[in-house]
Protein backbone atom coordinates (compact mmCIF):
# COMPACT_ATOMS: atom_id res chain seq x y z
CA MET A 1 29.99 -47.42 -24.03
CA PRO A 2 30.30 -46.67 -27.75
CA SER A 3 33.86 -47.84 -28.60
CA ALA A 4 36.68 -50.34 -28.12
CA ASP A 5 38.96 -47.51 -26.89
CA LEU A 6 36.55 -46.74 -24.06
CA ALA A 7 36.35 -50.43 -23.16
CA SER A 8 40.16 -50.56 -23.09
CA TRP A 9 40.25 -47.50 -20.80
CA LEU A 10 37.76 -49.10 -18.44
CA ASN A 11 39.75 -52.32 -18.22
CA SER A 12 43.15 -50.71 -17.73
CA SER A 13 44.79 -51.41 -14.40
CA GLU A 14 44.70 -49.21 -11.31
CA THR A 15 46.81 -49.04 -8.19
CA ASP A 16 45.45 -51.47 -5.60
CA GLU A 17 44.64 -50.34 -2.09
CA ASP A 18 46.26 -52.03 0.94
CA ASP A 19 43.42 -54.53 1.33
CA ASP A 20 45.19 -56.67 3.94
CA GLY A 21 45.94 -53.73 6.21
CA ALA A 22 42.42 -52.35 5.89
CA GLN A 23 40.92 -55.75 6.68
CA ARG A 24 43.07 -56.07 9.81
CA TRP A 25 41.94 -52.62 10.93
CA LEU A 26 38.30 -53.62 10.38
CA GLU A 27 38.65 -56.77 12.51
CA GLU A 28 40.42 -54.86 15.29
CA THR A 29 37.79 -52.10 15.22
CA VAL A 30 34.92 -54.58 15.52
CA ILE A 31 36.52 -56.15 18.61
CA LYS A 32 37.28 -52.73 20.12
CA LEU A 33 33.70 -51.49 19.54
CA GLN A 34 32.14 -54.62 21.03
CA ARG A 35 34.38 -54.37 24.11
CA ALA A 36 33.56 -50.67 24.58
CA LEU A 37 29.79 -51.14 24.27
CA ARG A 38 29.81 -54.04 26.71
CA GLY A 39 31.71 -51.80 29.11
CA TYR A 40 28.69 -49.45 28.92
CA ASP A 41 26.32 -52.37 29.73
CA MET A 42 25.13 -52.81 26.15
CA THR A 43 24.92 -56.08 24.27
CA ALA A 44 27.11 -56.13 21.18
CA GLU A 45 26.21 -59.24 19.17
CA LEU A 46 27.87 -58.98 15.77
CA ILE A 47 25.78 -59.68 12.66
CA GLY A 48 28.39 -58.64 10.11
CA SER A 49 30.90 -56.00 9.09
CA ARG A 50 32.36 -54.54 5.90
CA LEU A 51 34.58 -51.74 4.73
CA THR A 52 33.26 -48.75 2.85
CA PRO A 53 35.58 -46.16 1.29
CA ASN A 54 35.08 -44.00 4.38
CA ALA A 55 34.31 -46.29 7.28
CA ALA A 56 33.93 -49.64 8.93
CA LEU A 57 30.26 -50.52 8.74
CA ILE A 58 29.51 -52.74 11.74
CA ARG A 59 26.08 -54.40 12.06
CA LEU A 60 25.01 -55.31 15.60
CA ARG A 61 21.89 -57.11 16.81
CA GLY A 62 19.38 -54.58 18.12
CA SER A 63 17.73 -55.18 21.48
CA ASP A 64 16.39 -53.33 24.50
CA ASP A 65 20.00 -53.26 25.70
CA LEU A 66 21.38 -51.95 22.41
CA THR A 67 19.44 -49.11 20.83
CA LEU A 68 20.37 -46.24 18.56
CA PRO A 69 19.80 -43.58 21.27
CA LYS A 70 22.02 -45.49 23.73
CA VAL A 71 24.91 -45.67 21.28
CA GLU A 72 24.35 -42.06 20.22
CA LYS A 73 24.62 -40.97 23.85
CA ARG A 74 28.06 -42.60 24.08
CA ARG A 75 29.56 -41.24 20.84
CA GLN A 76 31.78 -38.75 22.61
CA GLU A 77 33.08 -41.33 25.09
CA LEU A 78 33.70 -43.82 22.27
CA LEU A 79 35.91 -41.21 20.61
CA THR A 80 37.75 -39.82 23.62
CA SER A 81 38.14 -43.04 25.64
CA HIS A 82 38.41 -45.68 22.91
CA ALA A 83 39.55 -43.78 19.78
CA ILE A 84 36.42 -45.00 17.96
CA ASP A 85 35.21 -42.15 15.74
CA VAL A 86 31.55 -42.92 14.98
CA ILE A 87 30.58 -40.87 11.92
CA ASN A 88 27.05 -42.21 11.54
CA LEU A 89 24.48 -44.50 13.13
CA LEU A 90 21.79 -46.26 11.10
CA ALA A 91 18.73 -48.21 12.17
CA ALA A 92 17.49 -51.35 10.38
CA PRO A 93 15.01 -54.06 11.43
CA MET A 94 16.56 -55.74 14.50
CA GLU A 95 19.89 -54.01 13.78
CA VAL A 96 21.97 -51.07 14.92
CA ILE A 97 24.56 -50.16 12.28
CA VAL A 98 27.62 -48.29 13.50
CA MET A 99 29.90 -46.54 11.00
CA VAL A 100 33.42 -45.89 12.28
CA ARG A 101 35.69 -43.50 10.36
CA ARG A 102 38.64 -45.13 8.62
CA PRO A 103 42.05 -43.68 9.56
CA LYS A 104 42.81 -43.44 5.84
CA ARG A 105 39.93 -43.18 3.38
CA ALA A 106 40.03 -45.38 0.31
CA ILE A 107 39.74 -43.67 -3.06
CA LEU A 108 36.77 -44.86 -5.07
CA ARG A 109 37.82 -44.52 -8.71
CA LEU A 110 35.48 -43.45 -11.50
CA LYS A 111 37.00 -46.10 -13.76
CA GLY A 112 36.25 -48.87 -11.25
CA LEU A 113 32.63 -47.82 -10.79
CA TRP A 114 32.04 -47.47 -14.53
CA ARG A 115 33.29 -51.05 -14.91
CA LEU A 116 30.64 -52.22 -12.42
CA ARG A 117 27.74 -50.07 -13.55
CA GLU A 118 24.61 -51.33 -15.27
CA LEU A 119 23.11 -49.76 -18.38
CA PRO A 120 19.62 -50.06 -19.86
CA GLU A 121 19.23 -51.81 -23.20
CA SER A 122 18.66 -48.42 -24.86
CA ALA A 123 22.26 -47.30 -24.13
CA PRO A 124 24.49 -46.03 -25.64
CA GLU A 125 21.81 -44.47 -27.84
CA THR A 126 19.85 -43.11 -24.89
CA ASN A 127 20.11 -43.41 -21.10
CA THR A 128 18.30 -41.55 -18.32
CA SER A 129 19.97 -43.29 -15.34
CA LEU A 130 23.22 -41.55 -14.41
CA LEU A 131 25.73 -43.02 -11.99
CA ILE A 132 26.09 -41.01 -8.77
CA GLY A 133 28.36 -43.26 -6.71
CA ALA A 134 28.38 -46.22 -4.32
CA LYS A 135 25.97 -46.42 -1.38
CA GLU A 136 27.64 -46.38 1.99
CA ALA A 137 25.25 -48.86 3.58
CA ASP A 138 25.70 -51.79 1.19
CA GLY A 139 28.17 -50.80 -1.53
CA GLU A 140 25.51 -51.01 -4.25
CA LEU A 141 25.63 -48.39 -6.99
CA LEU A 142 23.38 -45.36 -6.74
CA TYR A 143 21.80 -43.88 -9.86
CA LEU A 144 19.97 -40.66 -10.65
CA ASN A 145 16.89 -41.90 -12.54
CA VAL A 146 15.27 -38.95 -14.31
CA GLY A 147 13.32 -41.33 -16.56
CA ASP A 148 12.14 -44.76 -15.48
CA GLY A 149 13.17 -46.65 -12.37
CA PHE A 150 16.42 -48.58 -12.77
CA ALA A 151 18.63 -51.06 -10.88
CA GLY A 152 16.04 -51.58 -8.15
CA GLN A 153 15.69 -47.85 -7.51
CA GLN A 154 12.65 -45.66 -8.05
CA PRO A 155 12.15 -43.11 -10.83
CA HIS A 156 13.29 -39.77 -9.45
CA GLY A 157 12.21 -36.21 -10.21
CA PRO A 158 13.26 -34.37 -13.38
CA HIS A 159 15.26 -31.61 -11.66
CA THR A 160 18.29 -31.82 -9.38
CA LEU A 161 20.12 -29.61 -6.91
CA ILE A 162 23.81 -30.23 -6.24
CA ALA A 163 25.21 -28.38 -3.21
CA GLY A 164 28.54 -28.45 -1.43
CA GLU A 165 31.32 -26.22 -0.20
CA THR A 166 34.84 -25.95 -1.61
CA GLY A 167 36.64 -29.28 -1.20
CA SER A 168 33.42 -31.26 -0.92
CA GLY A 169 33.82 -33.00 -4.28
CA LYS A 170 31.03 -31.10 -6.00
CA GLY A 171 33.05 -30.36 -9.13
CA VAL A 172 34.05 -34.00 -9.61
CA LEU A 173 30.42 -35.09 -9.23
CA VAL A 174 29.20 -32.58 -11.82
CA GLN A 175 31.90 -33.58 -14.30
CA SER A 176 31.22 -37.30 -13.84
CA LEU A 177 27.49 -36.74 -14.51
CA LEU A 178 28.29 -34.73 -17.65
CA LEU A 179 30.68 -37.43 -18.88
CA ASP A 180 28.06 -40.09 -18.14
CA ILE A 181 25.50 -38.26 -20.28
CA CYS A 182 28.01 -37.99 -23.13
CA ALA A 183 29.18 -41.60 -22.92
CA THR A 184 25.77 -43.27 -22.68
CA ASN A 185 23.68 -41.03 -24.97
CA SER A 186 24.24 -40.22 -28.61
CA PRO A 187 24.65 -36.52 -29.47
CA GLU A 188 21.31 -36.80 -31.31
CA SER A 189 19.45 -38.07 -28.23
CA ALA A 190 20.94 -35.80 -25.53
CA ARG A 191 21.84 -32.12 -25.72
CA ILE A 192 23.67 -30.22 -22.97
CA ARG A 193 23.45 -26.52 -22.20
CA MET A 194 25.82 -25.16 -19.59
CA ILE A 195 25.41 -21.87 -17.74
CA ASP A 196 28.71 -21.07 -16.06
CA PRO A 197 29.49 -17.69 -14.45
CA LYS A 198 33.15 -18.79 -14.26
CA ALA A 199 33.38 -19.05 -18.07
CA GLY A 200 34.06 -22.78 -18.16
CA ILE A 201 37.23 -22.87 -16.06
CA ASP A 202 36.17 -26.18 -14.48
CA PHE A 203 34.98 -27.78 -17.75
CA PRO A 204 37.72 -27.24 -20.35
CA TRP A 205 36.82 -30.44 -22.19
CA LEU A 206 33.09 -29.71 -22.49
CA ARG A 207 33.45 -27.21 -25.34
CA ARG A 208 34.76 -30.03 -27.58
CA MET A 209 31.92 -32.47 -26.89
CA PRO A 210 29.39 -33.06 -29.69
CA HIS A 211 26.56 -33.05 -27.11
CA LEU A 212 27.05 -29.37 -26.21
CA ASP A 213 24.51 -26.96 -27.72
CA GLY A 214 26.39 -23.84 -28.80
CA ASP A 215 29.07 -22.45 -26.51
CA LEU A 216 29.08 -22.19 -22.72
CA ILE A 217 26.65 -19.53 -21.47
CA THR A 218 28.67 -17.05 -19.44
CA SER A 219 26.50 -13.92 -19.11
CA ARG A 220 23.28 -13.30 -17.17
CA GLU A 221 21.49 -12.02 -20.26
CA GLU A 222 22.27 -15.20 -22.23
CA ALA A 223 21.28 -17.33 -19.25
CA ILE A 224 17.86 -15.68 -18.92
CA GLU A 225 17.29 -16.08 -22.66
CA THR A 226 18.20 -19.76 -22.41
CA LEU A 227 15.75 -20.37 -19.56
CA GLU A 228 12.98 -18.64 -21.47
CA GLU A 229 13.80 -20.65 -24.61
CA LEU A 230 13.56 -23.88 -22.62
CA VAL A 231 10.10 -22.97 -21.37
CA GLU A 232 8.98 -22.25 -24.94
CA GLU A 233 10.51 -25.55 -26.10
CA MET A 234 8.74 -27.39 -23.27
CA GLU A 235 5.38 -25.95 -24.35
CA ARG A 236 6.07 -26.86 -28.00
CA ARG A 237 7.02 -30.41 -27.06
CA ASN A 238 3.99 -30.89 -24.86
CA ARG A 239 1.76 -29.91 -27.77
CA LEU A 240 3.54 -32.45 -29.98
CA LEU A 241 3.13 -35.17 -27.34
CA ALA A 242 -0.56 -34.35 -26.94
CA ASP A 243 -1.12 -34.50 -30.71
CA ALA A 244 0.67 -37.88 -30.83
CA GLY A 245 -1.43 -39.22 -27.94
CA VAL A 246 1.54 -40.00 -25.66
CA THR A 247 2.59 -38.76 -22.23
CA LYS A 248 6.38 -38.92 -22.30
CA LEU A 249 9.30 -38.25 -24.60
CA ALA A 250 10.46 -41.88 -24.92
CA ASN A 251 7.07 -42.99 -26.23
CA TYR A 252 6.91 -40.05 -28.64
CA ASN A 253 10.32 -40.92 -30.09
CA LYS A 254 9.22 -44.52 -30.66
CA LYS A 255 6.16 -43.35 -32.55
CA VAL A 256 7.68 -40.82 -34.96
CA PRO A 257 10.25 -41.24 -37.78
CA PRO A 258 13.93 -40.89 -36.75
CA SER A 259 14.14 -37.44 -38.33
CA GLU A 260 11.38 -36.14 -36.01
CA ARG A 261 12.73 -37.55 -32.73
CA LEU A 262 13.41 -35.05 -29.95
CA PRO A 263 16.59 -35.10 -27.86
CA ARG A 264 16.54 -34.89 -24.08
CA ILE A 265 17.83 -31.50 -22.97
CA TRP A 266 20.05 -31.17 -19.89
CA LEU A 267 20.56 -27.67 -18.53
CA PHE A 268 23.42 -27.43 -16.03
CA HIS A 269 23.79 -24.17 -14.10
CA ASP A 270 27.08 -23.96 -12.21
CA GLU A 271 27.74 -21.48 -9.37
CA LEU A 272 24.07 -20.52 -9.11
CA ALA A 273 24.58 -18.32 -6.03
CA ASP A 274 26.89 -15.93 -7.93
CA TRP A 275 23.98 -14.39 -9.84
CA MET A 276 21.01 -15.10 -7.55
CA LEU A 277 21.74 -11.98 -5.48
CA ILE A 278 20.71 -9.90 -8.51
CA ASP A 279 16.95 -9.34 -8.41
CA ASP A 280 16.08 -9.66 -12.09
CA TYR A 281 18.11 -12.84 -12.41
CA ARG A 282 16.62 -14.43 -9.30
CA ASP A 283 13.11 -13.60 -10.54
CA ALA A 284 13.82 -15.11 -13.97
CA VAL A 285 15.26 -18.32 -12.50
CA GLU A 286 12.38 -18.74 -10.04
CA LEU A 287 9.70 -18.10 -12.67
CA ASN A 288 11.11 -20.33 -15.39
CA ALA A 289 12.26 -23.13 -13.08
CA SER A 290 8.76 -23.21 -11.58
CA ARG A 291 7.18 -23.53 -15.02
CA LEU A 292 9.65 -26.24 -15.99
CA GLY A 293 9.10 -27.99 -12.68
CA VAL A 294 5.42 -28.56 -13.44
CA LYS A 295 5.59 -29.94 -16.98
CA ALA A 296 9.20 -30.61 -17.99
CA ARG A 297 9.36 -34.34 -17.14
CA ALA A 298 7.13 -35.36 -20.07
CA ALA A 299 8.98 -33.01 -22.43
CA GLY A 300 12.41 -34.44 -21.58
CA ILE A 301 13.98 -31.28 -20.13
CA ASN A 302 16.07 -31.66 -16.99
CA LEU A 303 17.62 -28.94 -14.81
CA VAL A 304 20.75 -29.52 -12.72
CA LEU A 305 21.46 -26.47 -10.54
CA ILE A 306 24.76 -26.33 -8.67
CA THR A 307 25.69 -24.09 -5.77
CA GLN A 308 28.55 -23.78 -3.32
CA ARG A 309 26.44 -21.68 -0.95
CA PRO A 310 23.00 -23.22 -0.36
CA ASP A 311 21.44 -20.37 1.63
CA LYS A 312 18.03 -18.68 1.31
CA ASP A 313 19.35 -16.01 -1.05
CA ALA A 314 20.71 -18.54 -3.53
CA LEU A 315 17.83 -20.99 -3.12
CA PRO A 316 14.47 -19.32 -2.50
CA MET A 317 11.73 -21.65 -1.25
CA GLN A 318 9.82 -21.80 -4.55
CA LEU A 319 12.98 -22.78 -6.44
CA ARG A 320 13.90 -25.46 -3.88
CA ALA A 321 10.43 -26.95 -4.15
CA ASN A 322 10.99 -27.68 -7.84
CA LEU A 323 14.39 -29.32 -7.34
CA THR A 324 13.14 -32.59 -5.90
CA ASN A 325 16.46 -34.47 -6.22
CA ARG A 326 19.08 -33.21 -3.77
CA LEU A 327 22.70 -34.36 -4.07
CA VAL A 328 24.34 -32.73 -1.08
CA LEU A 329 28.03 -32.88 -0.27
CA LYS A 330 29.62 -31.34 2.80
CA VAL A 331 28.10 -27.93 3.58
CA ALA A 332 29.31 -25.19 5.90
CA ASP A 333 26.85 -25.56 8.77
CA LYS A 334 23.69 -27.15 10.12
CA ARG A 335 21.51 -24.33 8.77
CA ASN A 336 22.57 -25.06 5.19
CA SER A 337 21.99 -28.78 5.70
CA VAL A 338 18.44 -28.18 6.93
CA LEU A 339 17.79 -25.89 3.97
CA VAL A 340 18.70 -28.51 1.35
CA LEU A 341 17.98 -31.83 3.13
CA ASP A 342 15.27 -30.73 5.58
CA GLU A 343 17.43 -32.07 8.40
CA PRO A 344 20.94 -31.58 9.81
CA GLY A 345 23.81 -33.91 8.96
CA ALA A 346 25.36 -32.68 5.71
CA GLU A 347 27.66 -30.42 7.73
CA LYS A 348 29.18 -33.63 9.21
CA LEU A 349 29.99 -35.26 5.88
CA LEU A 350 33.68 -35.95 5.33
CA GLY A 351 34.27 -33.94 2.15
CA ARG A 352 35.96 -35.23 -1.03
CA GLY A 353 32.84 -36.83 -2.48
CA HIS A 354 31.05 -37.98 0.68
CA LEU A 355 27.41 -37.38 -0.23
CA ALA A 356 23.88 -37.40 1.18
CA ALA A 357 21.27 -38.01 -1.53
CA LYS A 358 17.62 -37.13 -1.04
CA LEU A 359 15.98 -38.44 -4.21
CA SER A 360 12.34 -38.02 -5.08
CA GLY A 361 10.62 -41.38 -4.65
CA GLU A 362 13.23 -43.06 -2.43
CA GLY A 363 11.73 -42.03 0.91
CA GLU A 364 14.94 -41.69 2.89
CA ILE A 365 18.33 -40.02 2.69
CA ILE A 366 21.01 -42.25 1.16
CA LEU A 367 24.67 -41.82 2.10
CA ALA A 368 27.07 -42.50 -0.77
CA GLN A 369 30.59 -41.92 -2.01
CA VAL A 370 31.15 -40.14 -5.32
CA PRO A 371 33.95 -41.68 -7.42
CA PHE A 372 37.11 -39.68 -8.06
CA ALA A 373 39.02 -38.94 -11.24
CA ASP A 374 41.70 -36.27 -11.59
CA GLU A 375 41.78 -33.58 -14.29
CA ASP A 376 43.97 -35.64 -16.61
CA GLU A 377 41.67 -38.67 -16.35
CA MET A 378 38.61 -36.52 -17.01
CA ALA A 379 40.25 -34.99 -20.08
CA GLU A 380 41.37 -38.39 -21.35
CA LEU A 381 37.91 -39.89 -20.88
CA ALA A 382 36.23 -36.91 -22.56
CA GLU A 383 38.52 -37.26 -25.57
CA LEU A 384 37.78 -41.00 -25.85
CA ILE A 385 34.05 -40.30 -25.74
CA ARG A 386 34.32 -37.50 -28.31
CA ASN A 387 36.34 -39.69 -30.68
CA ALA A 388 33.94 -42.60 -30.23
CA TRP A 389 30.94 -40.54 -31.34
CA THR A 390 32.91 -38.91 -34.16
CA ASN A 391 33.92 -42.34 -35.48
CA ALA A 392 30.40 -43.71 -35.02
CA ASN A 393 28.95 -40.84 -37.06
CA SER A 394 31.61 -41.35 -39.76
CA VAL A 395 30.64 -45.02 -40.08
CA ASN A 396 26.92 -44.21 -40.16
CA SER A 397 27.40 -41.66 -42.91
CA VAL A 398 29.18 -44.13 -45.20
């Protein structure tokens, strides 16, 4: 992070959760689950257990007597007869992992996760690995890697879809990604463009950030122009990279003088579905997103499209194919889940930041919890970041 004020914010105290009570509940739940499974003639040898923000994660030894299908078959009885609400079952080598819903979910704070996060050596000048949240399975942090691989995770695709209904935590996720870009990239190395049909109601702080290019884009005509401009910029950049004999933006920027370096461009499009019902807009988004999908990674242009309603009208097949990273919060029904994840399950997420991530290169869906910060915290953090870059530029100009 670029300043002492930000470091002070990160290290300021937070209200502690009732750790003792949660630990007691975990121990009681493990015993109750083992007893119930044995009552159904299943072995229930415990390997380990831990709390996640949403659940007790209980690892049992897999065997012919304890399989995923056998536990799945008993989910309803576990709930109705034993008050054990199994929200997910996971398979691992020689393990069956049972996740039992916590009676009171813990709040995972943005401040706490930012304290734990890793950053590449290039930060805060430039960073292409944004913090998504904490993985449900092991508590490790999950990153969106639009550049190189990072923190033991693969490099992911350049373009991202964020989907989730009202109350799912979608807005908090989008704001935390935007703040991450601003905190860990200089305004010279990362530029943000925001298309927002709601005229920036959810992002009041963004207009003041030095990373924002121009104002928020709030009309369809401006949005189409912006998409077309990005395609032209992508073609220009690819010619520059070819002339320099390099294949990606980071290598180009190392090769040229500072004055010729190119910033990464992030285009966020909020409430995509609002305008996708209009034919000319849908055609423009599909055409330009497809062109960007083929060649934008090398040029350093990344799309983040956000929708509350992930149906076929809002997300035509060609557009979905180019959004290879899917960050999916709770959706309305199984049909929407299949549309964005290629399988059901997102309709069963718990809301408030409970997320299923399908990231290009990872090979499997990852359950995670998005950290929370309220509006005042977001505004405070944004102001600290803005002041940090303003002060840094003042020092550099002396």
